[in-house]
N, C-alpha and C. Protein backbone atom coordinates (compact mmCIF):
# COMPACT_ATOMS: atom_id res chain seq x y z
N UNK A 1 -16.15 163.24 92.34
CA UNK A 1 -17.17 162.53 93.46
C UNK A 1 -18.41 162.44 92.92
N UNK A 2 -19.09 161.23 93.01
CA UNK A 2 -20.44 161.17 92.54
C UNK A 2 -21.44 161.30 93.66
N UNK A 3 -22.49 161.95 93.56
CA UNK A 3 -23.56 161.94 94.48
C UNK A 3 -24.65 160.91 94.28
N UNK A 4 -24.46 160.01 93.36
CA UNK A 4 -25.47 159.13 92.95
C UNK A 4 -25.91 158.31 94.09
N UNK A 5 -27.32 158.11 94.34
CA UNK A 5 -27.76 157.36 95.47
C UNK A 5 -29.14 157.30 95.41
N UNK A 6 -29.90 156.26 95.88
CA UNK A 6 -31.28 156.09 95.84
C UNK A 6 -31.90 157.19 96.44
N UNK A 7 -33.14 157.53 95.95
CA UNK A 7 -33.88 158.70 96.47
C UNK A 7 -34.53 158.06 97.76
N UNK A 8 -34.38 159.01 98.98
CA UNK A 8 -34.82 158.67 100.10
C UNK A 8 -36.49 158.50 100.17
N UNK A 9 -36.89 157.74 100.96
CA UNK A 9 -38.49 157.57 101.14
C UNK A 9 -38.97 158.77 102.07
N UNK A 10 -40.28 158.88 101.86
CA UNK A 10 -41.14 159.90 102.67
C UNK A 10 -40.84 159.75 104.13
N UNK A 11 -40.10 160.61 104.79
CA UNK A 11 -39.56 160.52 106.08
C UNK A 11 -40.81 160.20 107.07
N UNK A 12 -41.85 160.67 106.89
CA UNK A 12 -43.11 160.11 107.74
C UNK A 12 -43.67 158.87 107.50
N UNK A 13 -43.47 158.25 106.49
CA UNK A 13 -43.74 156.83 106.07
C UNK A 13 -43.31 155.85 107.30
N UNK A 14 -42.10 156.24 107.93
CA UNK A 14 -41.55 155.30 108.67
C UNK A 14 -42.03 155.46 110.27
N UNK A 15 -43.10 156.60 110.40
CA UNK A 15 -43.32 156.90 111.90
C UNK A 15 -44.94 156.19 111.93
N UNK A 16 -45.42 156.15 113.18
CA UNK A 16 -46.82 155.49 113.32
C UNK A 16 -47.88 156.63 112.48
N UNK A 17 -48.65 156.09 111.84
CA UNK A 17 -49.70 156.67 111.04
C UNK A 17 -50.39 157.74 112.03
N UNK A 18 -50.66 159.00 111.51
CA UNK A 18 -51.36 160.00 112.09
C UNK A 18 -52.42 160.36 111.22
N UNK A 19 -53.65 160.99 111.82
CA UNK A 19 -54.68 161.67 110.78
C UNK A 19 -54.05 162.87 110.26
N UNK A 20 -54.70 163.44 109.20
CA UNK A 20 -53.96 164.71 108.69
C UNK A 20 -55.02 165.78 108.71
N UNK A 21 -54.76 166.90 108.43
CA UNK A 21 -55.60 167.97 108.30
C UNK A 21 -55.04 168.79 107.16
N UNK A 22 -55.73 169.95 106.83
CA UNK A 22 -55.23 170.94 105.53
C UNK A 22 -54.14 171.83 105.84
N UNK A 23 -53.20 171.84 105.06
CA UNK A 23 -52.22 172.74 105.23
C UNK A 23 -51.95 173.47 103.78
N UNK A 24 -51.80 174.66 103.68
CA UNK A 24 -51.73 175.34 102.48
C UNK A 24 -50.82 176.60 102.56
N UNK A 25 -50.26 177.11 101.40
CA UNK A 25 -49.43 178.13 101.29
C UNK A 25 -49.47 178.88 100.38
N UNK A 26 -49.39 180.21 100.34
CA UNK A 26 -49.38 181.13 99.38
C UNK A 26 -47.92 181.19 98.43
N UNK A 27 -46.93 180.53 99.25
CA UNK A 27 -45.55 180.59 98.83
C UNK A 27 -44.95 179.06 98.32
N UNK A 28 -45.66 178.04 98.64
CA UNK A 28 -45.38 176.68 98.35
C UNK A 28 -46.50 175.94 97.70
N UNK A 29 -46.23 175.34 96.48
CA UNK A 29 -47.27 174.42 95.88
C UNK A 29 -46.94 173.11 96.07
N UNK A 30 -47.63 172.30 96.41
CA UNK A 30 -47.30 170.86 96.69
C UNK A 30 -46.68 170.28 95.49
N UNK A 31 -45.68 169.64 95.64
CA UNK A 31 -44.80 169.00 94.56
C UNK A 31 -44.20 169.86 93.54
N UNK A 32 -44.20 171.07 93.78
CA UNK A 32 -43.75 172.13 92.73
C UNK A 32 -42.38 172.67 93.43
N UNK A 33 -41.49 173.40 92.39
CA UNK A 33 -40.30 174.10 92.91
C UNK A 33 -40.60 174.91 93.93
N UNK A 34 -39.65 175.13 94.96
CA UNK A 34 -39.86 176.40 95.78
C UNK A 34 -39.50 177.94 95.10
N UNK A 35 -40.11 178.68 95.52
CA UNK A 35 -39.84 180.11 94.90
C UNK A 35 -38.42 180.48 95.42
N UNK A 36 -37.77 181.37 94.63
CA UNK A 36 -36.53 181.87 94.98
C UNK A 36 -36.49 182.45 96.46
N UNK A 37 -37.39 182.97 97.04
CA UNK A 37 -37.30 183.41 98.53
C UNK A 37 -37.23 182.24 99.49
N UNK A 38 -37.36 181.07 99.16
CA UNK A 38 -37.22 179.81 99.94
C UNK A 38 -36.06 179.00 99.75
N UNK A 39 -35.06 179.76 98.81
CA UNK A 39 -33.71 179.19 98.49
C UNK A 39 -32.79 180.03 99.30
N UNK A 40 -31.75 179.23 99.86
CA UNK A 40 -30.93 179.96 100.81
C UNK A 40 -30.08 181.13 100.21
N UNK A 41 -29.53 180.84 99.04
CA UNK A 41 -28.86 181.81 98.24
C UNK A 41 -29.63 183.16 97.65
N UNK A 42 -30.92 182.72 97.63
CA UNK A 42 -31.72 184.01 96.98
C UNK A 42 -32.64 184.82 97.96
N UNK A 43 -32.94 184.08 99.02
CA UNK A 43 -33.80 184.76 99.90
C UNK A 43 -33.83 184.35 101.30
N UNK A 44 -33.79 183.19 101.45
CA UNK A 44 -33.72 182.42 102.81
C UNK A 44 -34.94 182.84 103.76
N UNK A 45 -36.06 182.80 103.07
CA UNK A 45 -37.15 183.45 103.84
C UNK A 45 -38.15 182.29 103.88
N UNK A 46 -38.68 181.96 105.29
CA UNK A 46 -39.73 180.97 105.48
C UNK A 46 -41.11 181.31 104.79
N UNK A 47 -41.75 180.21 104.26
CA UNK A 47 -42.86 180.48 103.44
C UNK A 47 -44.13 180.77 104.39
N UNK A 48 -45.05 181.32 103.71
CA UNK A 48 -46.28 181.69 104.42
C UNK A 48 -46.94 180.32 104.44
N UNK A 49 -47.49 179.90 105.61
CA UNK A 49 -48.27 178.52 105.84
C UNK A 49 -49.55 178.88 106.63
N UNK A 50 -50.57 178.14 106.32
CA UNK A 50 -52.10 178.37 106.83
C UNK A 50 -52.51 176.88 107.11
N UNK A 51 -53.40 176.62 108.13
CA UNK A 51 -53.73 175.29 108.32
C UNK A 51 -55.08 175.39 109.13
N UNK A 52 -55.83 174.22 108.81
CA UNK A 52 -57.18 174.28 109.38
C UNK A 52 -57.60 172.76 109.42
N UNK A 53 -58.57 172.59 110.44
CA UNK A 53 -59.05 171.08 110.54
C UNK A 53 -58.20 170.27 111.41
N UNK A 54 -57.30 170.89 112.32
CA UNK A 54 -56.74 170.11 113.47
C UNK A 54 -57.69 169.49 114.19
N UNK A 55 -57.30 168.37 114.82
CA UNK A 55 -58.51 167.43 115.69
C UNK A 55 -58.67 168.33 117.09
N UNK A 56 -59.76 168.02 117.59
CA UNK A 56 -60.12 168.31 118.98
C UNK A 56 -59.24 167.86 119.85
N UNK A 57 -58.77 168.72 120.77
CA UNK A 57 -57.78 168.46 121.80
C UNK A 57 -56.31 168.91 121.29
N UNK A 58 -56.40 169.59 120.05
CA UNK A 58 -55.05 170.33 119.87
C UNK A 58 -54.78 171.37 120.87
N UNK A 59 -53.68 171.41 121.43
CA UNK A 59 -53.32 172.57 122.54
C UNK A 59 -52.08 173.40 122.01
N UNK A 60 -51.25 172.74 120.98
CA UNK A 60 -50.27 173.55 120.39
C UNK A 60 -49.91 173.02 119.13
N UNK A 61 -48.90 173.67 118.42
CA UNK A 61 -48.44 173.13 117.04
C UNK A 61 -46.84 173.13 116.96
N UNK A 62 -46.41 172.29 116.10
CA UNK A 62 -44.87 172.40 115.98
C UNK A 62 -45.00 172.43 114.49
N UNK A 63 -44.00 173.16 113.86
CA UNK A 63 -43.90 173.38 112.35
C UNK A 63 -42.28 173.12 112.07
N UNK A 64 -42.14 172.08 111.06
CA UNK A 64 -40.76 171.88 110.67
C UNK A 64 -40.76 171.82 109.37
N UNK A 65 -39.50 171.86 108.75
CA UNK A 65 -39.16 171.61 107.22
C UNK A 65 -37.94 170.83 107.29
N UNK A 66 -38.05 169.70 106.60
CA UNK A 66 -37.14 168.71 106.53
C UNK A 66 -36.71 168.29 104.98
N UNK A 67 -35.54 167.93 104.75
CA UNK A 67 -35.06 167.65 103.37
C UNK A 67 -34.53 166.14 103.62
N UNK A 68 -35.26 165.22 103.30
CA UNK A 68 -34.80 163.69 103.35
C UNK A 68 -33.70 163.44 102.48
N UNK A 69 -33.64 164.22 101.14
CA UNK A 69 -32.65 163.98 100.15
C UNK A 69 -31.33 164.39 100.25
N UNK A 70 -31.01 165.12 101.43
CA UNK A 70 -29.70 165.67 101.57
C UNK A 70 -28.70 164.43 101.62
N UNK A 71 -27.41 164.53 101.11
CA UNK A 71 -26.50 163.62 101.20
C UNK A 71 -25.90 163.27 102.50
N UNK A 72 -26.82 162.84 103.41
CA UNK A 72 -26.20 162.51 104.77
C UNK A 72 -27.24 161.29 105.20
N UNK A 73 -26.88 160.48 106.15
CA UNK A 73 -27.62 159.59 106.69
C UNK A 73 -28.98 159.99 107.41
N UNK A 74 -28.99 161.29 107.73
CA UNK A 74 -30.02 161.60 108.60
C UNK A 74 -30.85 162.72 107.97
N UNK A 75 -30.68 163.10 106.62
CA UNK A 75 -31.44 164.12 106.04
C UNK A 75 -30.82 165.41 106.69
N UNK A 76 -31.65 166.50 106.34
CA UNK A 76 -31.41 167.90 106.91
C UNK A 76 -32.54 168.52 107.28
N UNK A 77 -32.45 169.13 108.38
CA UNK A 77 -33.57 170.07 109.24
C UNK A 77 -33.33 171.41 108.73
N UNK A 78 -34.23 172.08 108.07
CA UNK A 78 -34.16 173.42 107.69
C UNK A 78 -34.91 174.31 108.67
N UNK A 79 -35.92 173.95 109.35
CA UNK A 79 -36.76 174.73 110.28
C UNK A 79 -37.47 173.88 111.24
N UNK A 80 -37.30 174.19 112.56
CA UNK A 80 -38.05 173.48 113.64
C UNK A 80 -38.56 174.81 114.54
N UNK A 81 -40.07 175.00 114.54
CA UNK A 81 -40.72 175.93 115.52
C UNK A 81 -41.56 174.98 116.38
N UNK A 82 -41.45 175.37 117.97
CA UNK A 82 -41.97 174.47 118.74
C UNK A 82 -42.87 175.35 119.73
N UNK A 83 -44.02 174.70 120.22
CA UNK A 83 -44.86 175.32 121.07
C UNK A 83 -45.67 176.66 120.50
N UNK A 84 -46.09 176.54 119.21
CA UNK A 84 -46.95 177.51 118.75
C UNK A 84 -48.42 177.33 119.40
N UNK A 85 -48.92 178.46 119.94
CA UNK A 85 -50.38 178.34 120.50
C UNK A 85 -51.40 177.58 119.73
N UNK A 86 -52.34 177.21 120.34
CA UNK A 86 -53.43 176.38 119.44
C UNK A 86 -54.26 177.18 118.72
N UNK A 87 -54.31 178.48 119.11
CA UNK A 87 -55.27 179.45 118.28
C UNK A 87 -54.52 180.05 117.14
N UNK A 88 -53.12 179.72 116.93
CA UNK A 88 -52.47 180.15 115.85
C UNK A 88 -52.66 179.29 114.64
N UNK A 89 -53.12 179.55 113.60
CA UNK A 89 -53.47 178.72 112.59
C UNK A 89 -52.71 179.33 111.21
N UNK A 90 -51.91 180.00 111.17
CA UNK A 90 -50.97 180.49 110.11
C UNK A 90 -49.89 181.24 110.65
N UNK A 91 -48.72 181.12 109.72
CA UNK A 91 -47.41 181.90 110.10
C UNK A 91 -47.11 182.74 108.71
N UNK A 92 -46.92 183.95 108.69
CA UNK A 92 -46.66 184.82 107.55
C UNK A 92 -45.31 184.41 106.99
N UNK A 93 -45.16 184.82 105.81
CA UNK A 93 -43.78 184.68 105.24
C UNK A 93 -42.75 185.35 105.99
N UNK A 94 -41.62 184.66 106.25
CA UNK A 94 -40.73 185.52 107.18
C UNK A 94 -40.69 185.23 108.61
N UNK A 95 -41.79 184.45 108.88
CA UNK A 95 -41.96 184.12 110.55
C UNK A 95 -40.73 183.41 110.96
N UNK A 96 -40.04 182.59 110.23
CA UNK A 96 -38.88 181.92 110.48
C UNK A 96 -37.63 182.72 110.81
N UNK A 97 -37.72 184.02 110.81
CA UNK A 97 -36.50 184.73 110.79
C UNK A 97 -35.70 184.67 112.16
N UNK A 98 -36.64 184.77 113.09
CA UNK A 98 -36.19 184.66 114.51
C UNK A 98 -37.27 184.26 115.55
N UNK A 99 -37.05 184.05 116.88
CA UNK A 99 -37.92 184.00 117.72
C UNK A 99 -38.93 185.21 117.87
N UNK A 100 -38.32 186.32 117.58
CA UNK A 100 -39.26 187.75 117.80
C UNK A 100 -40.27 187.81 116.80
N UNK A 101 -40.26 186.94 115.85
CA UNK A 101 -41.41 186.82 114.77
C UNK A 101 -42.48 185.80 115.09
N UNK A 102 -42.23 185.07 116.12
CA UNK A 102 -43.17 184.04 116.38
C UNK A 102 -44.20 184.34 117.46
N UNK A 103 -45.50 183.97 117.49
CA UNK A 103 -46.51 184.20 118.52
C UNK A 103 -46.31 183.41 119.81
N UNK A 104 -46.84 184.04 120.91
CA UNK A 104 -46.86 183.40 122.15
C UNK A 104 -45.50 183.00 122.77
N UNK A 105 -45.45 181.79 123.21
CA UNK A 105 -44.17 181.27 123.77
C UNK A 105 -43.29 180.35 122.80
N UNK A 106 -43.82 180.43 121.56
CA UNK A 106 -43.22 179.72 120.50
C UNK A 106 -41.62 180.05 120.40
N UNK A 107 -40.95 179.01 119.99
CA UNK A 107 -39.36 179.16 119.83
C UNK A 107 -38.88 178.28 118.84
N UNK A 108 -37.69 178.70 118.15
CA UNK A 108 -37.19 177.67 117.24
C UNK A 108 -36.02 176.78 118.16
N UNK A 109 -35.79 175.68 117.53
CA UNK A 109 -34.63 175.01 118.14
C UNK A 109 -33.59 175.07 116.79
N UNK A 110 -32.30 174.74 117.11
CA UNK A 110 -31.29 174.78 115.99
C UNK A 110 -31.69 173.98 114.86
N UNK A 111 -31.38 174.57 113.62
CA UNK A 111 -31.58 173.72 112.40
C UNK A 111 -30.15 173.09 112.17
N UNK A 112 -30.29 172.44 110.98
CA UNK A 112 -28.81 171.71 110.90
C UNK A 112 -27.76 172.72 110.25
N UNK A 113 -27.94 173.91 110.01
CA UNK A 113 -26.95 175.02 109.81
C UNK A 113 -26.32 175.41 111.06
N UNK A 114 -27.24 175.38 112.28
CA UNK A 114 -26.69 175.68 113.51
C UNK A 114 -27.45 177.21 113.92
N UNK A 115 -28.61 177.62 113.20
CA UNK A 115 -29.17 178.71 113.48
C UNK A 115 -30.43 178.44 114.10
N UNK A 116 -31.03 179.21 114.82
CA UNK A 116 -32.46 179.23 115.37
C UNK A 116 -33.31 180.08 114.43
N UNK A 117 -33.66 179.58 113.28
CA UNK A 117 -34.47 180.27 112.21
C UNK A 117 -34.49 179.26 111.18
N UNK A 118 -35.27 179.76 110.07
CA UNK A 118 -35.47 179.05 108.87
C UNK A 118 -34.10 179.17 108.02
N UNK A 119 -33.71 178.09 107.44
CA UNK A 119 -32.71 178.25 106.38
C UNK A 119 -33.21 177.49 104.98
N UNK A 120 -33.16 178.26 103.90
CA UNK A 120 -33.63 177.72 102.62
C UNK A 120 -32.87 176.78 102.12
N UNK A 121 -33.62 176.24 100.85
CA UNK A 121 -32.84 175.15 99.99
C UNK A 121 -31.54 175.27 99.63
N UNK A 122 -30.75 174.58 99.89
CA UNK A 122 -29.18 174.70 99.41
C UNK A 122 -28.81 173.13 99.01
N UNK A 123 -29.31 172.50 98.09
CA UNK A 123 -28.69 171.34 97.74
C UNK A 123 -27.52 171.37 96.97
N UNK A 124 -26.66 170.43 97.08
CA UNK A 124 -25.30 170.58 96.34
C UNK A 124 -25.49 170.57 94.87
N UNK A 125 -24.75 171.42 94.10
CA UNK A 125 -24.96 171.55 92.74
C UNK A 125 -24.84 170.27 92.13
N UNK A 126 -25.64 170.02 91.11
CA UNK A 126 -25.62 168.83 90.30
C UNK A 126 -26.44 167.51 90.93
N UNK A 127 -26.85 167.75 92.20
CA UNK A 127 -27.49 166.63 92.82
C UNK A 127 -28.98 166.45 92.34
N UNK A 128 -29.52 165.47 92.43
CA UNK A 128 -31.05 165.07 92.22
C UNK A 128 -31.83 166.19 92.68
N UNK A 129 -33.09 166.30 92.43
CA UNK A 129 -33.97 167.30 92.97
C UNK A 129 -34.19 166.61 94.39
N UNK A 130 -34.31 167.81 95.28
CA UNK A 130 -34.50 167.72 96.50
C UNK A 130 -36.03 167.92 96.99
N UNK A 131 -36.48 167.28 97.90
CA UNK A 131 -37.95 167.39 98.42
C UNK A 131 -37.79 168.21 99.83
N UNK A 132 -38.72 169.03 100.12
CA UNK A 132 -38.54 169.81 101.26
C UNK A 132 -40.02 169.52 101.94
N UNK A 133 -40.06 168.85 102.99
CA UNK A 133 -41.28 168.56 103.77
C UNK A 133 -41.62 169.60 104.72
N UNK A 134 -42.55 170.40 104.53
CA UNK A 134 -43.03 171.45 105.49
C UNK A 134 -44.26 170.67 106.21
N UNK A 135 -44.17 170.68 107.55
CA UNK A 135 -45.03 169.90 108.22
C UNK A 135 -45.53 170.76 109.50
N UNK A 136 -46.88 170.45 109.65
CA UNK A 136 -47.53 170.99 110.91
C UNK A 136 -48.05 170.06 111.56
N UNK A 137 -47.57 169.86 112.92
CA UNK A 137 -48.01 168.75 113.85
C UNK A 137 -48.98 169.41 114.84
N UNK A 138 -50.00 168.68 114.98
CA UNK A 138 -51.12 169.26 115.99
C UNK A 138 -50.67 168.48 117.26
N UNK A 139 -50.51 169.38 118.32
CA UNK A 139 -49.93 168.44 119.75
C UNK A 139 -50.86 168.54 120.77
N UNK A 140 -51.16 167.44 121.43
CA UNK A 140 -52.20 167.42 122.48
C UNK A 140 -51.56 167.91 123.81
N UNK A 141 -50.71 168.75 123.78
CA UNK A 141 -50.19 169.40 124.99
C UNK A 141 -49.81 170.88 124.91
N UNK A 142 -49.85 171.63 125.94
CA UNK A 142 -49.60 173.04 125.81
C UNK A 142 -48.17 173.28 125.32
N UNK A 143 -47.39 172.28 125.70
CA UNK A 143 -45.93 172.32 125.39
C UNK A 143 -45.38 171.08 125.04
N UNK A 144 -44.53 170.87 124.08
CA UNK A 144 -43.85 169.62 123.67
C UNK A 144 -43.20 169.18 124.64
N UNK A 145 -42.65 170.10 125.64
CA UNK A 145 -41.88 169.46 126.65
C UNK A 145 -40.31 169.53 126.48
N UNK A 146 -39.83 170.42 125.45
CA UNK A 146 -38.52 170.42 125.11
C UNK A 146 -38.04 171.87 125.32
N UNK A 147 -36.88 172.37 125.32
CA UNK A 147 -36.24 173.83 125.35
C UNK A 147 -35.59 173.92 124.14
N UNK A 148 -35.10 175.17 123.96
CA UNK A 148 -34.31 175.71 122.89
C UNK A 148 -33.21 174.78 122.54
N UNK A 149 -32.65 174.18 123.48
CA UNK A 149 -31.33 173.42 123.30
C UNK A 149 -31.54 172.02 122.73
N UNK A 150 -32.85 171.55 122.50
CA UNK A 150 -33.09 170.17 122.08
C UNK A 150 -32.83 170.35 120.39
N UNK A 151 -32.49 169.00 120.12
CA UNK A 151 -32.21 168.77 118.67
C UNK A 151 -33.52 168.62 117.77
N UNK A 152 -33.41 168.75 116.61
CA UNK A 152 -34.65 168.59 115.67
C UNK A 152 -34.95 166.99 115.92
N UNK A 153 -33.86 166.12 116.01
CA UNK A 153 -34.18 164.50 116.44
C UNK A 153 -35.03 164.37 117.75
N UNK A 154 -34.82 165.21 118.84
CA UNK A 154 -35.36 165.17 120.11
C UNK A 154 -36.81 165.63 119.85
N UNK A 155 -37.04 166.74 119.14
CA UNK A 155 -38.32 167.40 118.84
C UNK A 155 -39.19 166.14 118.10
N UNK A 156 -38.55 165.67 117.13
CA UNK A 156 -39.19 164.64 116.35
C UNK A 156 -39.69 163.38 117.25
N UNK A 157 -38.64 162.86 117.98
CA UNK A 157 -39.09 161.75 118.95
C UNK A 157 -40.16 161.90 119.91
N UNK A 158 -40.33 163.49 120.55
CA UNK A 158 -41.39 163.69 121.30
C UNK A 158 -42.63 163.76 120.62
N UNK A 159 -42.69 164.08 119.34
CA UNK A 159 -43.80 164.23 118.53
C UNK A 159 -44.33 162.80 118.29
N UNK A 160 -43.63 161.84 118.20
CA UNK A 160 -44.19 160.49 117.94
C UNK A 160 -45.30 160.23 119.27
N UNK A 161 -44.95 160.71 120.62
CA UNK A 161 -45.83 160.39 121.48
C UNK A 161 -46.86 161.31 121.67
N UNK A 162 -46.66 162.64 121.17
CA UNK A 162 -47.53 163.79 121.60
C UNK A 162 -48.46 164.48 120.48
N UNK A 163 -47.98 163.84 119.34
CA UNK A 163 -48.72 164.68 118.00
C UNK A 163 -50.10 163.89 117.95
N UNK A 164 -51.09 164.61 117.66
CA UNK A 164 -52.41 164.07 117.34
C UNK A 164 -52.66 163.98 115.86
N UNK A 165 -52.18 164.81 115.05
CA UNK A 165 -52.21 164.77 113.71
C UNK A 165 -51.07 165.57 112.94
N UNK A 166 -50.91 165.34 111.54
CA UNK A 166 -49.72 165.91 111.00
C UNK A 166 -50.33 166.30 109.52
N UNK A 167 -49.90 167.51 109.28
CA UNK A 167 -50.37 167.93 107.70
C UNK A 167 -48.97 168.31 107.18
N UNK A 168 -48.90 167.93 105.98
CA UNK A 168 -47.59 168.12 105.07
C UNK A 168 -47.80 168.85 103.70
N UNK A 169 -46.81 169.54 103.29
CA UNK A 169 -46.67 170.02 102.05
C UNK A 169 -45.23 170.10 101.58
N UNK A 170 -45.07 169.52 100.49
CA UNK A 170 -43.70 169.34 99.84
C UNK A 170 -43.42 170.21 98.68
N UNK A 171 -42.37 171.03 98.78
CA UNK A 171 -41.86 171.72 97.75
C UNK A 171 -40.55 171.06 97.32
N UNK A 172 -39.97 171.49 96.00
CA UNK A 172 -38.92 170.67 95.64
C UNK A 172 -37.79 171.89 95.27
N UNK A 173 -36.47 171.37 95.11
CA UNK A 173 -35.60 172.28 94.50
C UNK A 173 -34.37 171.46 94.04
N UNK A 174 -33.84 171.90 93.11
CA UNK A 174 -32.52 171.43 92.25
C UNK A 174 -31.66 172.56 91.58
N UNK A 175 -30.42 172.64 91.96
CA UNK A 175 -29.70 173.54 91.21
C UNK A 175 -29.40 173.23 89.78
């Protein structure tokens, strides 16, 4: 079986344009391979993320990790955190372990493995390099208006209407 296929486009290029702000990480360097800790078989640990410069009117944040290069028609959601309070501007490494490690009323929705947590990079062996888009979305409402049963697609749909800005950082991984 061949996994040969075109490289997927930037998943955010298909959405309405949003202003950006600064997203950094002590664990992820933009455009570079992910550390072992962010690989499913090696550590399965969410990276440290810090952000600044979100626009005035930001009332909460949504943090996601998406792999558009997965061999599916819809990519693969690795992490979705909803309703982080506006005064939170960083998540420590490992914050994606469970809802207990999140501040305020923030919560996880199920990732594409089925868990309410971060799941690390796990592309098929021999596949081309995958990109992992870590994104922080500044939201103009205290709550995105979804619950724990929402899918990542429903979260993304709501972000189209409620996000004020988006910051991204892209790590890569290949077996």
